[in-house]
């Protein structure tokens, strides 16, 4: 495989982590409900970390071409979850995974479709 297309595996990793997040939150209807289920909440946090690490492996030119995705916000979310773990806003995490992540996943699927 061409070296310049290996980033597609990073996108696939993001999509797998997004699916795992969806599974972790599927039984919850609010941020507080998710937070009370600490195992699911920690699974969400871990998958946010995985998503951001995968984002770091996507070449700058790909990120630039697909600027509709807030790549840096994804990395920032990971940094906050990892480094400010004691101050994580449950509602912010909830909104990110319920509202933003599905949109990002749809865009990533389009990218994969375009690049085979």
C-alpha atoms as a PDB file:
ATOM      1  CA  UNK A   1       0.000   0.000   0.000  1.00  0.00           C
ATOM      2  CA  UNK A   2       1.185   3.462  -0.843  1.00  0.00           C
ATOM      3  CA  UNK A   3       2.661   5.261   2.143  1.00  0.00           C
ATOM      4  CA  UNK A   4       0.497   8.286   1.419  1.00  0.00           C
ATOM      5  CA  UNK A   5      -2.725   6.289   1.848  1.00  0.00           C
ATOM      6  CA  UNK A   6      -1.921   4.683   5.212  1.00  0.00           C
ATOM      7  CA  UNK A   7      -3.803   7.519   6.906  1.00  0.00           C
ATOM      8  CA  UNK A   8      -7.018   5.782   5.835  1.00  0.00           C
ATOM      9  CA  UNK A   9      -6.362   3.233   8.589  1.00  0.00           C
ATOM     10  CA  UNK A  10      -6.381   6.095  11.085  1.00  0.00           C
ATOM     11  CA  UNK A  11      -9.809   7.103   9.830  1.00  0.00           C
ATOM     12  CA  UNK A  12     -10.992   3.528  10.218  1.00  0.00           C
ATOM     13  CA  UNK A  13      -9.671   3.545  13.799  1.00  0.00           C
ATOM     14  CA  UNK A  14     -11.671   6.708  14.465  1.00  0.00           C
ATOM     15  CA  UNK A  15     -14.821   5.119  13.087  1.00  0.00           C
ATOM     16  CA  UNK A  16     -14.361   2.018  15.253  1.00  0.00           C
ATOM     17  CA  UNK A  17     -13.874   4.193  18.344  1.00  0.00           C
ATOM     18  CA  UNK A  18     -16.952   6.231  17.395  1.00  0.00           C
ATOM     19  CA  UNK A  19     -18.989   3.020  17.179  1.00  0.00           C
ATOM     20  CA  UNK A  20     -17.701   1.971  20.588  1.00  0.00           C
ATOM     21  CA  UNK A  21     -18.699   5.336  22.022  1.00  0.00           C
ATOM     22  CA  UNK A  22     -22.169   4.966  20.521  1.00  0.00           C
ATOM     23  CA  UNK A  23     -22.453   1.560  22.160  1.00  0.00           C
ATOM     24  CA  UNK A  24     -21.291   2.969  25.501  1.00  0.00           C
ATOM     25  CA  UNK A  25     -23.852   5.777  25.513  1.00  0.00           C
ATOM     26  CA  UNK A  26     -26.795   3.944  23.955  1.00  0.00           C
ATOM     27  CA  UNK A  27     -28.452   3.184  27.299  1.00  0.00           C
ATOM     28  CA  UNK A  28     -28.160   6.758  28.543  1.00  0.00           C
ATOM     29  CA  UNK A  29     -30.355   9.782  27.977  1.00  0.00           C
ATOM     30  CA  UNK A  30     -28.292  12.460  29.684  1.00  0.00           C
ATOM     31  CA  UNK A  31     -24.806  13.459  30.736  1.00  0.00           C
ATOM     32  CA  UNK A  32     -25.597  12.728  34.360  1.00  0.00           C
ATOM     33  CA  UNK A  33     -26.894   9.259  33.499  1.00  0.00           C
ATOM     34  CA  UNK A  34     -23.689   8.510  31.617  1.00  0.00           C
ATOM     35  CA  UNK A  35     -21.534   9.881  34.425  1.00  0.00           C
ATOM     36  CA  UNK A  36     -23.284   7.678  36.979  1.00  0.00           C
ATOM     37  CA  UNK A  37     -22.251   4.658  34.893  1.00  0.00           C
ATOM     38  CA  UNK A  38     -18.546   5.116  35.490  1.00  0.00           C
ATOM     39  CA  UNK A  39     -17.526   2.149  33.320  1.00  0.00           C
ATOM     40  CA  UNK A  40     -19.320   3.578  30.293  1.00  0.00           C
ATOM     41  CA  UNK A  41     -18.049   7.072  31.042  1.00  0.00           C
ATOM     42  CA  UNK A  42     -14.464   5.831  31.237  1.00  0.00           C
ATOM     43  CA  UNK A  43     -14.951   3.875  27.996  1.00  0.00           C
ATOM     44  CA  UNK A  44     -16.099   7.082  26.316  1.00  0.00           C
ATOM     45  CA  UNK A  45     -13.092   8.974  27.650  1.00  0.00           C
ATOM     46  CA  UNK A  46     -10.714   6.266  26.437  1.00  0.00           C
ATOM     47  CA  UNK A  47     -12.242   6.248  22.975  1.00  0.00           C
ATOM     48  CA  UNK A  48     -11.948  10.041  22.813  1.00  0.00           C
ATOM     49  CA  UNK A  49      -8.234   9.529  23.455  1.00  0.00           C
ATOM     50  CA  UNK A  50      -8.008   6.918  20.691  1.00  0.00           C
ATOM     51  CA  UNK A  51      -9.826   9.183  18.248  1.00  0.00           C
ATOM     52  CA  UNK A  52      -7.489  12.091  18.945  1.00  0.00           C
ATOM     53  CA  UNK A  53      -4.369   9.951  18.658  1.00  0.00           C
ATOM     54  CA  UNK A  54      -5.618   8.696  15.294  1.00  0.00           C
ATOM     55  CA  UNK A  55      -6.304  12.285  14.205  1.00  0.00           C
ATOM     56  CA  UNK A  56      -2.663  13.112  14.944  1.00  0.00           C
ATOM     57  CA  UNK A  57      -1.670  10.447  12.391  1.00  0.00           C
ATOM     58  CA  UNK A  58      -3.615  12.030   9.549  1.00  0.00           C
ATOM     59  CA  UNK A  59      -1.379  14.126   7.285  1.00  0.00           C
ATOM     60  CA  UNK A  60      -1.811  17.920   7.384  1.00  0.00           C
ATOM     61  CA  UNK A  61      -2.737  18.037   3.700  1.00  0.00           C
ATOM     62  CA  UNK A  62      -5.659  15.671   4.301  1.00  0.00           C
ATOM     63  CA  UNK A  63      -6.828  17.747   7.256  1.00  0.00           C
ATOM     64  CA  UNK A  64      -6.559  20.868   5.131  1.00  0.00           C
ATOM     65  CA  UNK A  65      -8.514  19.295   2.273  1.00  0.00           C
ATOM     66  CA  UNK A  66     -11.251  18.264   4.700  1.00  0.00           C
ATOM     67  CA  UNK A  67     -11.330  21.406   6.787  1.00  0.00           C
ATOM     68  CA  UNK A  68     -15.022  20.942   7.532  1.00  0.00           C
ATOM     69  CA  UNK A  69     -13.922  18.591  10.323  1.00  0.00           C
ATOM     70  CA  UNK A  70     -12.717  20.381  13.456  1.00  0.00           C
ATOM     71  CA  UNK A  71      -9.532  18.337  13.717  1.00  0.00           C
ATOM     72  CA  UNK A  72      -7.896  20.545  16.345  1.00  0.00           C
ATOM     73  CA  UNK A  73     -11.010  20.562  18.529  1.00  0.00           C
ATOM     74  CA  UNK A  74     -10.850  16.774  18.588  1.00  0.00           C
ATOM     75  CA  UNK A  75      -7.246  16.852  19.796  1.00  0.00           C
ATOM     76  CA  UNK A  76      -8.094  19.586  22.307  1.00  0.00           C
ATOM     77  CA  UNK A  77     -10.899  17.461  23.738  1.00  0.00           C
ATOM     78  CA  UNK A  78      -8.468  14.593  24.251  1.00  0.00           C
ATOM     79  CA  UNK A  79      -5.964  16.875  25.935  1.00  0.00           C
ATOM     80  CA  UNK A  80      -8.631  18.160  28.285  1.00  0.00           C
ATOM     81  CA  UNK A  81      -9.887  14.668  29.177  1.00  0.00           C
ATOM     82  CA  UNK A  82      -6.342  13.442  29.804  1.00  0.00           C
ATOM     83  CA  UNK A  83      -4.760  16.418  31.544  1.00  0.00           C
ATOM     84  CA  UNK A  84      -7.748  18.007  33.280  1.00  0.00           C
ATOM     85  CA  UNK A  85      -9.433  14.730  34.180  1.00  0.00           C
ATOM     86  CA  UNK A  86     -10.617  16.082  37.526  1.00  0.00           C
ATOM     87  CA  UNK A  87     -12.383  19.010  35.850  1.00  0.00           C
ATOM     88  CA  UNK A  88     -14.079  17.248  32.921  1.00  0.00           C
ATOM     89  CA  UNK A  89     -17.496  18.742  32.217  1.00  0.00           C
ATOM     90  CA  UNK A  90     -19.853  15.802  31.762  1.00  0.00           C
ATOM     91  CA  UNK A  91     -22.241  17.902  29.693  1.00  0.00           C
ATOM     92  CA  UNK A  92     -19.456  18.962  27.324  1.00  0.00           C
ATOM     93  CA  UNK A  93     -18.428  15.345  26.780  1.00  0.00           C
ATOM     94  CA  UNK A  94     -22.071  14.327  26.325  1.00  0.00           C
ATOM     95  CA  UNK A  95     -22.704  17.002  23.693  1.00  0.00           C
ATOM     96  CA  UNK A  96     -19.483  16.160  21.881  1.00  0.00           C
ATOM     97  CA  UNK A  97     -20.280  12.461  21.593  1.00  0.00           C
ATOM     98  CA  UNK A  98     -24.044  12.810  21.007  1.00  0.00           C
ATOM     99  CA  UNK A  99     -24.073  15.765  18.642  1.00  0.00           C
ATOM    100  CA  UNK A 100     -20.656  16.321  17.104  1.00  0.00           C
ATOM    101  CA  UNK A 101     -19.156  12.845  16.826  1.00  0.00           C
ATOM    102  CA  UNK A 102     -21.913  11.441  14.567  1.00  0.00           C
ATOM    103  CA  UNK A 103     -21.377  14.363  12.165  1.00  0.00           C
ATOM    104  CA  UNK A 104     -17.627  13.761  12.146  1.00  0.00           C
ATOM    105  CA  UNK A 105     -18.167  10.038  11.542  1.00  0.00           C
ATOM    106  CA  UNK A 106     -20.381  10.774   8.530  1.00  0.00           C
ATOM    107  CA  UNK A 107     -17.733  13.063   7.037  1.00  0.00           C
ATOM    108  CA  UNK A 108     -15.048  10.443   7.622  1.00  0.00           C
ATOM    109  CA  UNK A 109     -17.136   7.818   5.853  1.00  0.00           C
ATOM    110  CA  UNK A 110     -17.374  10.156   2.861  1.00  0.00           C
ATOM    111  CA  UNK A 111     -13.600  10.607   2.887  1.00  0.00           C
ATOM    112  CA  UNK A 112     -13.031   6.844   2.931  1.00  0.00           C
ATOM    113  CA  UNK A 113     -15.509   6.374   0.115  1.00  0.00           C
ATOM    114  CA  UNK A 114     -13.720   8.991  -1.959  1.00  0.00           C
ATOM    115  CA  UNK A 115     -10.270   7.546  -1.307  1.00  0.00           C
ATOM    116  CA  UNK A 116     -11.237   3.880  -1.508  1.00  0.00           C
END
